[in-house]
Amino acid sequence: MNRIACQSAALFAHPWSIVIFPFLCVAWELAGWGELALTLALSILAISTTQLVLAAQEKDTRAIHIKLDALIAGTDADDGVAGVEKE
């Protein structure tokens, strides 16, 4: 699931997604599927995309914290600050 979330987040964040999106909306309108259905689909897409991006960011943040904790533990720094964000 993590791999799917990361790949989807990368896809939605790609610059071509931003370019293609308006064309998708125009095509939807020309197909005659209705404004209400478009609004519903866009709302679901926006919420899903937000959750995917947040999941990818959380994974990256967790990796950074683990690396920083290892750096702190490997130096003469105060060991009490390693893992402080867990408290």
PDB file of N, CA and C in Angstrom:
ATOM      1  N   MET A   1       0.819  -1.198   0.000  1.00  0.00           N
ATOM      2  CA  MET A   1       0.000   0.000   0.000  1.00  0.00           C
ATOM      3  C   MET A   1       0.862   1.263   0.000  1.00  0.00           C
ATOM      4  N   ASN A   2       1.969   1.219   0.736  1.00  0.00           N
ATOM      5  CA  ASN A   2       2.858   2.378   0.780  1.00  0.00           C
ATOM      6  C   ASN A   2       3.419   2.698  -0.598  1.00  0.00           C
ATOM      7  N   ARG A   3       3.781   1.647  -1.340  1.00  0.00           N
ATOM      8  CA  ARG A   3       4.348   1.856  -2.671  1.00  0.00           C
ATOM      9  C   ARG A   3       3.319   2.509  -3.593  1.00  0.00           C
ATOM     10  N   ILE A   4       2.070   2.038  -3.506  1.00  0.00           N
ATOM     11  CA  ILE A   4       1.002   2.613  -4.337  1.00  0.00           C
ATOM     12  C   ILE A   4       0.779   4.071  -3.969  1.00  0.00           C
ATOM     13  N   ALA A   5       0.780   4.377  -2.672  1.00  0.00           N
ATOM     14  CA  ALA A   5       0.578   5.756  -2.223  1.00  0.00           C
ATOM     15  C   ALA A   5       1.691   6.669  -2.719  1.00  0.00           C
ATOM     16  N   CYS A   6       2.925   6.199  -2.631  1.00  0.00           N
ATOM     17  CA  CYS A   6       4.063   7.023  -3.079  1.00  0.00           C
ATOM     18  C   CYS A   6       4.033   7.241  -4.589  1.00  0.00           C
ATOM     19  N   GLN A   7       3.726   6.189  -5.340  1.00  0.00           N
ATOM     20  CA  GLN A   7       3.662   6.322  -6.794  1.00  0.00           C
ATOM     21  C   GLN A   7       2.516   7.233  -7.215  1.00  0.00           C
ATOM     22  N   SER A   8       1.373   7.110  -6.545  1.00  0.00           N
ATOM     23  CA  SER A   8       0.226   7.961  -6.873  1.00  0.00           C
ATOM     24  C   SER A   8       0.519   9.416  -6.539  1.00  0.00           C
ATOM     25  N   ALA A   9       1.149   9.645  -5.393  1.00  0.00           N
ATOM     26  CA  ALA A   9       1.501  11.015  -5.009  1.00  0.00           C
ATOM     27  C   ALA A   9       2.466  11.624  -6.015  1.00  0.00           C
ATOM     28  N   ALA A  10       3.433  10.833  -6.471  1.00  0.00           N
ATOM     29  CA  ALA A  10       4.374  11.331  -7.477  1.00  0.00           C
ATOM     30  C   ALA A  10       3.656  11.634  -8.793  1.00  0.00           C
ATOM     31  N   LEU A  11       2.691  10.804  -9.154  1.00  0.00           N
ATOM     32  CA  LEU A  11       1.931  11.022 -10.388  1.00  0.00           C
ATOM     33  C   LEU A  11       1.104  12.302 -10.308  1.00  0.00           C
ATOM     34  N   PHE A  12       0.394  12.493  -9.206  1.00  0.00           N
ATOM     35  CA  PHE A  12      -0.451  13.678  -9.065  1.00  0.00           C
ATOM     36  C   PHE A  12       0.360  14.954  -8.916  1.00  0.00           C
ATOM     37  N   ALA A  13       1.591  14.843  -8.425  1.00  0.00           N
ATOM     38  CA  ALA A  13       2.436  16.024  -8.251  1.00  0.00           C
ATOM     39  C   ALA A  13       3.237  16.354  -9.509  1.00  0.00           C
ATOM     40  N   HIS A  14       3.181  15.497 -10.498  1.00  0.00           N
ATOM     41  CA  HIS A  14       3.944  15.719 -11.727  1.00  0.00           C
ATOM     42  C   HIS A  14       3.391  16.943 -12.467  1.00  0.00           C
ATOM     43  N   PRO A  15       4.265  17.758 -13.056  1.00  0.00           N
ATOM     44  CA  PRO A  15       3.800  18.959 -13.764  1.00  0.00           C
ATOM     45  C   PRO A  15       2.794  18.665 -14.885  1.00  0.00           C
ATOM     46  N   TRP A  16       2.929  17.532 -15.567  1.00  0.00           N
ATOM     47  CA  TRP A  16       1.987  17.216 -16.634  1.00  0.00           C
ATOM     48  C   TRP A  16       0.578  16.977 -16.099  1.00  0.00           C
ATOM     49  N   SER A  17       0.470  16.547 -14.856  1.00  0.00           N
ATOM     50  CA  SER A  17      -0.863  16.376 -14.259  1.00  0.00           C
ATOM     51  C   SER A  17      -1.580  17.717 -14.181  1.00  0.00           C
ATOM     52  N   ILE A  18      -0.834  18.757 -13.850  1.00  0.00           N
ATOM     53  CA  ILE A  18      -1.407  20.098 -13.750  1.00  0.00           C
ATOM     54  C   ILE A  18      -1.867  20.578 -15.131  1.00  0.00           C
ATOM     55  N   VAL A  19      -1.116  20.230 -16.162  1.00  0.00           N
ATOM     56  CA  VAL A  19      -1.458  20.655 -17.519  1.00  0.00           C
ATOM     57  C   VAL A  19      -2.653  19.872 -18.060  1.00  0.00           C
ATOM     58  N   ILE A  20      -2.693  18.585 -17.774  1.00  0.00           N
ATOM     59  CA  ILE A  20      -3.750  17.723 -18.311  1.00  0.00           C
ATOM     60  C   ILE A  20      -5.088  17.940 -17.610  1.00  0.00           C
ATOM     61  N   PHE A  21      -5.059  18.331 -16.361  1.00  0.00           N
ATOM     62  CA  PHE A  21      -6.274  18.469 -15.564  1.00  0.00           C
ATOM     63  C   PHE A  21      -7.347  19.373 -16.194  1.00  0.00           C
ATOM     64  N   PRO A  22      -7.020  20.582 -16.666  1.00  0.00           N
ATOM     65  CA  PRO A  22      -8.062  21.410 -17.290  1.00  0.00           C
ATOM     66  C   PRO A  22      -8.681  20.757 -18.531  1.00  0.00           C
ATOM     67  N   PHE A  23      -7.867  20.054 -19.298  1.00  0.00           N
ATOM     68  CA  PHE A  23      -8.394  19.365 -20.473  1.00  0.00           C
ATOM     69  C   PHE A  23      -9.356  18.243 -20.071  1.00  0.00           C
ATOM     70  N   LEU A  24      -9.047  17.581 -18.978  1.00  0.00           N
ATOM     71  CA  LEU A  24      -9.939  16.542 -18.462  1.00  0.00           C
ATOM     72  C   LEU A  24     -11.296  17.140 -18.072  1.00  0.00           C
ATOM     73  N   CYS A  25     -11.282  18.290 -17.436  1.00  0.00           N
ATOM     74  CA  CYS A  25     -12.529  18.959 -17.040  1.00  0.00           C
ATOM     75  C   CYS A  25     -13.346  19.372 -18.262  1.00  0.00           C
ATOM     76  N   VAL A  26     -12.701  19.907 -19.280  1.00  0.00           N
ATOM     77  CA  VAL A  26     -13.405  20.306 -20.506  1.00  0.00           C
ATOM     78  C   VAL A  26     -13.986  19.078 -21.200  1.00  0.00           C
ATOM     79  N   ALA A  27     -13.210  17.997 -21.268  1.00  0.00           N
ATOM     80  CA  ALA A  27     -13.701  16.761 -21.889  1.00  0.00           C
ATOM     81  C   ALA A  27     -14.901  16.211 -21.136  1.00  0.00           C
ATOM     82  N   TRP A  28     -14.872  16.302 -19.822  1.00  0.00           N
ATOM     83  CA  TRP A  28     -15.999  15.837 -18.999  1.00  0.00           C
ATOM     84  C   TRP A  28     -17.254  16.633 -19.341  1.00  0.00           C
ATOM     85  N   GLU A  29     -17.107  17.931 -19.460  1.00  0.00           N
ATOM     86  CA  GLU A  29     -18.252  18.800 -19.775  1.00  0.00           C
ATOM     87  C   GLU A  29     -18.766  18.505 -21.179  1.00  0.00           C
ATOM     88  N   LEU A  30     -17.874  18.327 -22.132  1.00  0.00           N
ATOM     89  CA  LEU A  30     -18.284  18.040 -23.507  1.00  0.00           C
ATOM     90  C   LEU A  30     -18.958  16.670 -23.625  1.00  0.00           C
ATOM     91  N   ALA A  31     -18.577  15.743 -22.767  1.00  0.00           N
ATOM     92  CA  ALA A  31     -19.197  14.415 -22.781  1.00  0.00           C
ATOM     93  C   ALA A  31     -20.616  14.469 -22.244  1.00  0.00           C
ATOM     94  N   GLY A  32     -20.950  15.556 -21.542  1.00  0.00           N
ATOM     95  CA  GLY A  32     -22.307  15.728 -21.041  1.00  0.00           C
ATOM     96  C   GLY A  32     -22.611  14.930 -19.788  1.00  0.00           C
ATOM     97  N   TRP A  33     -21.594  14.631 -18.987  1.00  0.00           N
ATOM     98  CA  TRP A  33     -21.814  13.844 -17.782  1.00  0.00           C
ATOM     99  C   TRP A  33     -22.366  14.671 -16.641  1.00  0.00           C
ATOM    100  N   GLY A  34     -22.409  15.957 -16.786  1.00  0.00           N
ATOM    101  CA  GLY A  34     -23.058  16.819 -15.811  1.00  0.00           C
ATOM    102  C   GLY A  34     -22.111  17.472 -14.828  1.00  0.00           C
ATOM    103  N   GLU A  35     -22.539  18.641 -14.404  1.00  0.00           N
ATOM    104  CA  GLU A  35     -21.738  19.436 -13.486  1.00  0.00           C
ATOM    105  C   GLU A  35     -21.702  18.821 -12.089  1.00  0.00           C
ATOM    106  N   LEU A  36     -22.815  18.254 -11.642  1.00  0.00           N
ATOM    107  CA  LEU A  36     -22.873  17.660 -10.308  1.00  0.00           C
ATOM    108  C   LEU A  36     -21.911  16.471 -10.202  1.00  0.00           C
ATOM    109  N   ALA A  37     -21.896  15.632 -11.233  1.00  0.00           N
ATOM    110  CA  ALA A  37     -20.997  14.486 -11.232  1.00  0.00           C
ATOM    111  C   ALA A  37     -19.538  14.940 -11.270  1.00  0.00           C
ATOM    112  N   LEU A  38     -19.249  16.000 -12.014  1.00  0.00           N
ATOM    113  CA  LEU A  38     -17.890  16.536 -12.069  1.00  0.00           C
ATOM    114  C   LEU A  38     -17.477  17.063 -10.699  1.00  0.00           C
ATOM    115  N   THR A  39     -18.369  17.785 -10.042  1.00  0.00           N
ATOM    116  CA  THR A  39     -18.075  18.316  -8.710  1.00  0.00           C
ATOM    117  C   THR A  39     -17.812  17.189  -7.724  1.00  0.00           C
ATOM    118  N   LEU A  40     -18.631  16.157  -7.773  1.00  0.00           N
ATOM    119  CA  LEU A  40     -18.442  15.016  -6.883  1.00  0.00           C
ATOM    120  C   LEU A  40     -17.116  14.322  -7.164  1.00  0.00           C
ATOM    121  N   ALA A  41     -16.816  14.074  -8.420  1.00  0.00           N
ATOM    122  CA  ALA A  41     -15.570  13.395  -8.780  1.00  0.00           C
ATOM    123  C   ALA A  41     -14.349  14.222  -8.373  1.00  0.00           C
ATOM    124  N   LEU A  42     -14.406  15.522  -8.576  1.00  0.00           N
ATOM    125  CA  LEU A  42     -13.273  16.379  -8.215  1.00  0.00           C
ATOM    126  C   LEU A  42     -13.084  16.449  -6.708  1.00  0.00           C
ATOM    127  N   SER A  43     -14.180  16.446  -5.954  1.00  0.00           N
ATOM    128  CA  SER A  43     -14.080  16.450  -4.494  1.00  0.00           C
ATOM    129  C   SER A  43     -13.418  15.173  -3.990  1.00  0.00           C
ATOM    130  N   ILE A  44     -13.845  14.051  -4.520  1.00  0.00           N
ATOM    131  CA  ILE A  44     -13.256  12.774  -4.128  1.00  0.00           C
ATOM    132  C   ILE A  44     -11.786  12.727  -4.530  1.00  0.00           C
ATOM    133  N   LEU A  45     -11.472  13.193  -5.722  1.00  0.00           N
ATOM    134  CA  LEU A  45     -10.084  13.208  -6.199  1.00  0.00           C
ATOM    135  C   LEU A  45      -9.214  14.109  -5.321  1.00  0.00           C
ATOM    136  N   ALA A  46      -9.733  15.267  -4.939  1.00  0.00           N
ATOM    137  CA  ALA A  46      -8.964  16.201  -4.115  1.00  0.00           C
ATOM    138  C   ALA A  46      -8.660  15.606  -2.743  1.00  0.00           C
ATOM    139  N   ILE A  47      -9.639  14.994  -2.123  1.00  0.00           N
ATOM    140  CA  ILE A  47      -9.433  14.391  -0.806  1.00  0.00           C
ATOM    141  C   ILE A  47      -8.451  13.225  -0.907  1.00  0.00           C
ATOM    142  N   SER A  48      -8.634  12.384  -1.907  1.00  0.00           N
ATOM    143  CA  SER A  48      -7.741  11.229  -2.084  1.00  0.00           C
ATOM    144  C   SER A  48      -6.315  11.672  -2.355  1.00  0.00           C
ATOM    145  N   THR A  49      -6.150  12.652  -3.216  1.00  0.00           N
ATOM    146  CA  THR A  49      -4.817  13.146  -3.541  1.00  0.00           C
ATOM    147  C   THR A  49      -4.142  13.744  -2.315  1.00  0.00           C
ATOM    148  N   THR A  50      -4.890  14.499  -1.535  1.00  0.00           N
ATOM    149  CA  THR A  50      -4.334  15.089  -0.317  1.00  0.00           C
ATOM    150  C   THR A  50      -3.841  14.012   0.629  1.00  0.00           C
ATOM    151  N   GLN A  51      -4.642  12.969   0.812  1.00  0.00           N
ATOM    152  CA  GLN A  51      -4.242  11.878   1.701  1.00  0.00           C
ATOM    153  C   GLN A  51      -3.004  11.148   1.178  1.00  0.00           C
ATOM    154  N   LEU A  52      -2.922  10.962  -0.122  1.00  0.00           N
ATOM    155  CA  LEU A  52      -1.754  10.303  -0.702  1.00  0.00           C
ATOM    156  C   LEU A  52      -0.485  11.124  -0.506  1.00  0.00           C
ATOM    157  N   VAL A  53      -0.580  12.418  -0.722  1.00  0.00           N
ATOM    158  CA  VAL A  53       0.585  13.291  -0.548  1.00  0.00           C
ATOM    159  C   VAL A  53       1.011  13.331   0.916  1.00  0.00           C
ATOM    160  N   LEU A  54       0.046  13.401   1.828  1.00  0.00           N
ATOM    161  CA  LEU A  54       0.378  13.411   3.253  1.00  0.00           C
ATOM    162  C   LEU A  54       1.042  12.110   3.674  1.00  0.00           C
ATOM    163  N   ALA A  55       0.597  10.987   3.145  1.00  0.00           N
ATOM    164  CA  ALA A  55       1.211   9.696   3.473  1.00  0.00           C
ATOM    165  C   ALA A  55       2.656   9.654   2.992  1.00  0.00           C
ATOM    166  N   ALA A  56       2.910  10.171   1.798  1.00  0.00           N
ATOM    167  CA  ALA A  56       4.281  10.196   1.266  1.00  0.00           C
ATOM    168  C   ALA A  56       5.163  11.127   2.095  1.00  0.00           C
ATOM    169  N   GLN A  57       4.633  12.269   2.502  1.00  0.00           N
ATOM    170  CA  GLN A  57       5.404  13.206   3.313  1.00  0.00           C
ATOM    171  C   GLN A  57       5.714  12.611   4.685  1.00  0.00           C
ATOM    172  N   GLU A  58       4.762  11.884   5.248  1.00  0.00           N
ATOM    173  CA  GLU A  58       4.981  11.267   6.561  1.00  0.00           C
ATOM    174  C   GLU A  58       6.115  10.248   6.490  1.00  0.00           C
ATOM    175  N   LYS A  59       6.143   9.480   5.425  1.00  0.00           N
ATOM    176  CA  LYS A  59       7.207   8.489   5.236  1.00  0.00           C
ATOM    177  C   LYS A  59       8.559   9.186   5.138  1.00  0.00           C
ATOM    178  N   ASP A  60       8.640  10.265   4.372  1.00  0.00           N
ATOM    179  CA  ASP A  60       9.890  11.007   4.225  1.00  0.00           C
ATOM    180  C   ASP A  60      10.327  11.620   5.555  1.00  0.00           C
ATOM    181  N   THR A  61       9.380  12.180   6.289  1.00  0.00           N
ATOM    182  CA  THR A  61       9.691  12.795   7.579  1.00  0.00           C
ATOM    183  C   THR A  61      10.203  11.757   8.557  1.00  0.00           C
ATOM    184  N   ARG A  62       9.574  10.593   8.578  1.00  0.00           N
ATOM    185  CA  ARG A  62      10.007   9.523   9.474  1.00  0.00           C
ATOM    186  C   ARG A  62      11.447   9.106   9.156  1.00  0.00           C
ATOM    187  N   ALA A  63      11.776   8.991   7.872  1.00  0.00           N
ATOM    188  CA  ALA A  63      13.131   8.613   7.474  1.00  0.00           C
ATOM    189  C   ALA A  63      14.147   9.669   7.900  1.00  0.00           C
ATOM    190  N   ILE A  64      13.801  10.929   7.765  1.00  0.00           N
ATOM    191  CA  ILE A  64      14.706  12.010   8.172  1.00  0.00           C
ATOM    192  C   ILE A  64      14.949  11.969   9.671  1.00  0.00           C
ATOM    193  N   HIS A  65      13.903  11.740  10.449  1.00  0.00           N
ATOM    194  CA  HIS A  65      14.053  11.688  11.907  1.00  0.00           C
ATOM    195  C   HIS A  65      14.932  10.515  12.339  1.00  0.00           C
ATOM    196  N   ILE A  66      14.781   9.375  11.682  1.00  0.00           N
ATOM    197  CA  ILE A  66      15.618   8.223  12.014  1.00  0.00           C
ATOM    198  C   ILE A  66      17.083   8.526  11.714  1.00  0.00           C
ATOM    199  N   LYS A  67      17.342   9.171  10.591  1.00  0.00           N
ATOM    200  CA  LYS A  67      18.723   9.516  10.233  1.00  0.00           C
ATOM    201  C   LYS A  67      19.299  10.552  11.196  1.00  0.00           C
ATOM    202  N   LEU A  68      18.503  11.539  11.571  1.00  0.00           N
ATOM    203  CA  LEU A  68      18.984  12.547  12.519  1.00  0.00           C
ATOM    204  C   LEU A  68      19.259  11.930  13.887  1.00  0.00           C
ATOM    205  N   ASP A  69      18.388  11.026  14.329  1.00  0.00           N
ATOM    206  CA  ASP A  69      18.615  10.350  15.612  1.00  0.00           C
ATOM    207  C   ASP A  69      19.918   9.551  15.583  1.00  0.00           C
ATOM    208  N   ALA A  70      20.201   8.907  14.448  1.00  0.00           N
ATOM    209  CA  ALA A  70      21.447   8.153  14.323  1.00  0.00           C
ATOM    210  C   ALA A  70      22.657   9.087  14.353  1.00  0.00           C
ATOM    211  N   LEU A  71      22.542  10.248  13.722  1.00  0.00           N
ATOM    212  CA  LEU A  71      23.645  11.221  13.749  1.00  0.00           C
ATOM    213  C   LEU A  71      23.877  11.757  15.153  1.00  0.00           C
ATOM    214  N   ILE A  72      22.797  12.051  15.851  1.00  0.00           N
ATOM    215  CA  ILE A  72      22.925  12.565  17.226  1.00  0.00           C
ATOM    216  C   ILE A  72      23.541  11.498  18.124  1.00  0.00           C
ATOM    217  N   ALA A  73      23.092  10.246  17.954  1.00  0.00           N
ATOM    218  CA  ALA A  73      23.617   9.166  18.780  1.00  0.00           C
ATOM    219  C   ALA A  73      25.101   8.912  18.492  1.00  0.00           C
ATOM    220  N   GLY A  74      25.559   9.205  17.296  1.00  0.00           N
ATOM    221  CA  GLY A  74      26.948   8.961  16.919  1.00  0.00           C
ATOM    222  C   GLY A  74      27.897  10.092  17.275  1.00  0.00           C
ATOM    223  N   THR A  75      27.392  11.171  17.826  1.00  0.00           N
ATOM    224  CA  THR A  75      28.244  12.311  18.189  1.00  0.00           C
ATOM    225  C   THR A  75      28.251  12.488  19.696  1.00  0.00           C
ATOM    226  N   ASP A  76      28.924  13.528  20.148  1.00  0.00           N
ATOM    227  CA  ASP A  76      28.986  13.820  21.582  1.00  0.00           C
ATOM    228  C   ASP A  76      27.806  14.670  22.033  1.00  0.00           C
ATOM    229  N   ALA A  77      26.781  14.775  21.182  1.00  0.00           N
ATOM    230  CA  ALA A  77      25.621  15.595  21.554  1.00  0.00           C
ATOM    231  C   ALA A  77      24.851  14.923  22.681  1.00  0.00           C
ATOM    232  N   ASP A  78      24.015  15.696  23.328  1.00  0.00           N
ATOM    233  CA  ASP A  78      23.186  15.207  24.423  1.00  0.00           C
ATOM    234  C   ASP A  78      22.242  14.125  23.901  1.00  0.00           C
ATOM    235  N   ASP A  79      22.346  12.911  24.423  1.00  0.00           N
ATOM    236  CA  ASP A  79      21.502  11.810  23.966  1.00  0.00           C
ATOM    237  C   ASP A  79      20.024  12.026  24.291  1.00  0.00           C
ATOM    238  N   GLY A  80      19.731  12.933  25.182  1.00  0.00           N
ATOM    239  CA  GLY A  80      18.349  13.186  25.558  1.00  0.00           C
ATOM    240  C   GLY A  80      17.523  13.812  24.443  1.00  0.00           C
ATOM    241  N   VAL A  81      18.178  14.416  23.453  1.00  0.00           N
ATOM    242  CA  VAL A  81      17.422  15.045  22.375  1.00  0.00           C
ATOM    243  C   VAL A  81      17.077  14.066  21.257  1.00  0.00           C
ATOM    244  N   ALA A  82      17.740  12.915  21.197  1.00  0.00           N
ATOM    245  CA  ALA A  82      17.438  11.919  20.193  1.00  0.00           C
ATOM    246  C   ALA A  82      16.077  11.311  20.501  1.00  0.00           C
ATOM    247  N   GLY A  83      15.177  11.387  19.568  1.00  0.00           N
ATOM    248  CA  GLY A  83      13.835  10.830  19.751  1.00  0.00           C
ATOM    249  C   GLY A  83      12.909  11.714  20.558  1.00  0.00           C
ATOM    250  N   VAL A  84      13.237  12.978  20.710  1.00  0.00           N
ATOM    251  CA  VAL A  84      12.427  13.881  21.529  1.00  0.00           C
ATOM    252  C   VAL A  84      11.028  14.093  20.939  1.00  0.00           C
ATOM    253  N   GLU A  85      10.884  13.936  19.613  1.00  0.00           N
ATOM    254  CA  GLU A  85       9.581  14.171  18.991  1.00  0.00           C
ATOM    255  C   GLU A  85       8.574  13.079  19.348  1.00  0.00           C
ATOM    256  N   LYS A  86       9.044  11.964  19.925  1.00  0.00           N
ATOM    257  CA  LYS A  86       8.144  10.880  20.323  1.00  0.00           C
ATOM    258  C   LYS A  86       7.470  11.150  21.660  1.00  0.00           C
ATOM    259  N   GLU A  87       7.974  12.093  22.422  1.00  0.00           N
ATOM    260  CA  GLU A  87       7.420  12.389  23.752  1.00  0.00           C
ATOM    261  C   GLU A  87       6.185  13.225  23.667  1.00  0.00           C
TER     262      GLU A  87
END
